[in-house]
């Protein structure tokens, strides 16, 4: 990297580092440094989530279908690939279905959730990082 090169730090919609680093910007560009996307800012209020609980734990995963859902967040695909590999090496009786959400990490995907409810027994949603 040259002395005058600038590394981009892409922020998520609330201004936290997203983990996207390393692309070199042109120092003469007015658009280098930080990228924000307010369109994808979550709008759900915390109070609407009160009373929600996690799903009950399954007795076993043997013979079950586990969906691995990649959200589009930087690093999620690599993470889900590692999880799928772990299952294939350690729990071969588990059927893995890998899917990507449509849109962004903050975009609902009703069709995917319906598929998982109909065909899946469990889901792991990965956000990476």
Protein backbone atom coordinates (compact mmCIF):
# COMPACT_ATOMS: atom_id res chain seq x y z
CA UNK A 1 0.00 0.00 0.00
CA UNK A 2 1.33 3.41 -0.93
CA UNK A 3 1.75 6.10 1.71
CA UNK A 4 -1.11 8.24 0.32
CA UNK A 5 -3.61 5.38 -0.18
CA UNK A 6 -6.79 5.55 1.91
CA UNK A 7 -8.52 2.40 3.16
CA UNK A 8 -12.30 2.55 3.08
CA UNK A 9 -14.25 1.76 6.23
CA UNK A 10 -17.84 1.03 5.24
CA UNK A 11 -20.28 1.68 8.07
CA UNK A 12 -23.59 -0.06 8.62
CA UNK A 13 -26.81 2.02 8.68
CA UNK A 14 -26.39 2.99 12.34
CA UNK A 15 -22.77 4.04 11.91
CA UNK A 16 -20.97 0.98 13.25
CA UNK A 17 -18.04 -0.48 11.30
CA UNK A 18 -19.34 -3.22 9.02
CA UNK A 19 -16.10 -5.16 8.73
CA UNK A 20 -15.60 -4.10 5.12
CA UNK A 21 -12.04 -2.89 5.00
CA UNK A 22 -9.13 -2.99 2.64
CA UNK A 23 -10.33 -1.47 -0.60
CA UNK A 24 -8.03 1.34 -1.57
CA UNK A 25 -9.67 4.65 -2.43
CA UNK A 26 -8.30 7.24 -4.76
CA UNK A 27 -7.08 10.07 -2.45
CA UNK A 28 -8.26 12.62 -5.05
CA UNK A 29 -11.85 11.31 -4.86
CA UNK A 30 -14.38 13.28 -2.84
CA UNK A 31 -16.27 10.03 -2.05
CA UNK A 32 -13.62 8.14 -0.12
CA UNK A 33 -13.70 7.22 3.54
CA UNK A 34 -17.18 6.30 4.74
CA UNK A 35 -20.34 4.99 3.08
CA UNK A 36 -23.74 5.11 4.81
CA UNK A 37 -27.04 3.70 3.52
CA UNK A 38 -29.95 5.18 5.51
CA UNK A 39 -32.48 3.32 3.32
CA UNK A 40 -31.67 0.11 5.16
CA UNK A 41 -31.95 1.60 8.66
CA UNK A 42 -34.15 -0.66 10.82
CA UNK A 43 -37.45 0.96 11.81
CA UNK A 44 -38.78 -1.61 14.29
CA UNK A 45 -39.16 -0.27 17.83
CA UNK A 46 -37.70 -2.26 20.72
CA UNK A 47 -41.07 -2.24 22.52
CA UNK A 48 -42.59 -4.31 19.67
CA UNK A 49 -40.14 -7.10 20.50
CA UNK A 50 -41.09 -7.43 24.18
CA UNK A 51 -42.33 -10.88 25.13
CA UNK A 52 -40.65 -12.64 22.23
CA UNK A 53 -38.81 -15.78 23.24
CA UNK A 54 -36.49 -18.17 21.46
CA UNK A 55 -37.93 -21.34 19.94
CA UNK A 56 -37.76 -24.45 22.12
CA UNK A 57 -34.62 -26.56 21.72
CA UNK A 58 -34.94 -29.77 19.69
CA UNK A 59 -34.09 -33.04 21.45
CA UNK A 60 -31.88 -34.06 18.53
CA UNK A 61 -30.81 -32.82 15.14
CA UNK A 62 -30.40 -36.33 13.69
CA UNK A 63 -32.52 -36.61 10.57
CA UNK A 64 -33.60 -32.96 10.84
CA UNK A 65 -33.38 -30.19 8.23
CA UNK A 66 -31.36 -27.19 9.38
CA UNK A 67 -31.46 -24.04 7.29
CA UNK A 68 -28.34 -21.90 7.21
CA UNK A 69 -29.42 -18.39 6.26
CA UNK A 70 -26.84 -15.92 5.01
CA UNK A 71 -28.02 -12.34 5.51
CA UNK A 72 -25.76 -10.44 3.16
CA UNK A 73 -23.77 -8.97 6.04
CA UNK A 74 -20.05 -8.90 5.31
CA UNK A 75 -18.50 -12.22 6.31
CA UNK A 76 -21.77 -14.13 6.70
CA UNK A 77 -21.19 -16.36 3.66
CA UNK A 78 -17.76 -17.45 4.91
CA UNK A 79 -19.22 -18.11 8.35
CA UNK A 80 -22.10 -20.18 6.97
CA UNK A 81 -19.71 -22.17 4.77
CA UNK A 82 -17.73 -23.04 7.92
CA UNK A 83 -20.92 -24.05 9.78
CA UNK A 84 -22.02 -26.27 6.85
CA UNK A 85 -18.58 -27.88 6.81
CA UNK A 86 -18.75 -28.54 10.54
CA UNK A 87 -22.13 -30.26 10.17
CA UNK A 88 -20.89 -32.43 7.29
CA UNK A 89 -17.87 -33.55 9.34
CA UNK A 90 -19.54 -33.95 12.75
CA UNK A 91 -23.29 -34.49 12.22
CA UNK A 92 -23.73 -36.07 8.80
CA UNK A 93 -27.30 -37.14 9.66
CA UNK A 94 -28.37 -33.48 9.59
CA UNK A 95 -29.60 -32.20 6.22
CA UNK A 96 -28.32 -28.68 5.56
CA UNK A 97 -30.20 -26.24 3.34
CA UNK A 98 -28.26 -23.05 2.59
CA UNK A 99 -30.19 -19.92 1.62
CA UNK A 100 -29.60 -16.18 1.20
CA UNK A 101 -32.05 -13.55 2.31
CA UNK A 102 -33.38 -11.21 -0.35
CA UNK A 103 -32.32 -7.60 0.04
CA UNK A 104 -30.21 -6.63 3.03
CA UNK A 105 -29.76 -7.75 6.61
CA UNK A 106 -32.59 -5.37 7.59
CA UNK A 107 -35.01 -6.46 4.84
CA UNK A 108 -37.75 -8.95 5.67
CA UNK A 109 -37.98 -12.07 3.49
CA UNK A 110 -41.47 -13.57 4.05
CA UNK A 111 -41.09 -16.18 1.30
CA UNK A 112 -37.92 -17.57 2.87
CA UNK A 113 -39.43 -17.64 6.38
CA UNK A 114 -42.48 -19.48 4.99
CA UNK A 115 -40.21 -22.05 3.29
CA UNK A 116 -38.30 -22.61 6.52
CA UNK A 117 -41.54 -23.00 8.54
CA UNK A 118 -42.84 -25.53 6.00
CA UNK A 119 -39.71 -27.58 5.30
CA UNK A 120 -37.23 -26.91 8.09
CA UNK A 121 -36.77 -28.06 11.65
CA UNK A 122 -34.24 -25.42 12.71
CA UNK A 123 -32.49 -22.35 11.37
CA UNK A 124 -29.17 -20.65 11.97
CA UNK A 125 -29.07 -17.06 10.79
CA UNK A 126 -25.56 -15.75 10.27
CA UNK A 127 -24.52 -12.14 10.31
CA UNK A 128 -20.78 -12.70 10.00
CA UNK A 129 -18.35 -10.05 11.00
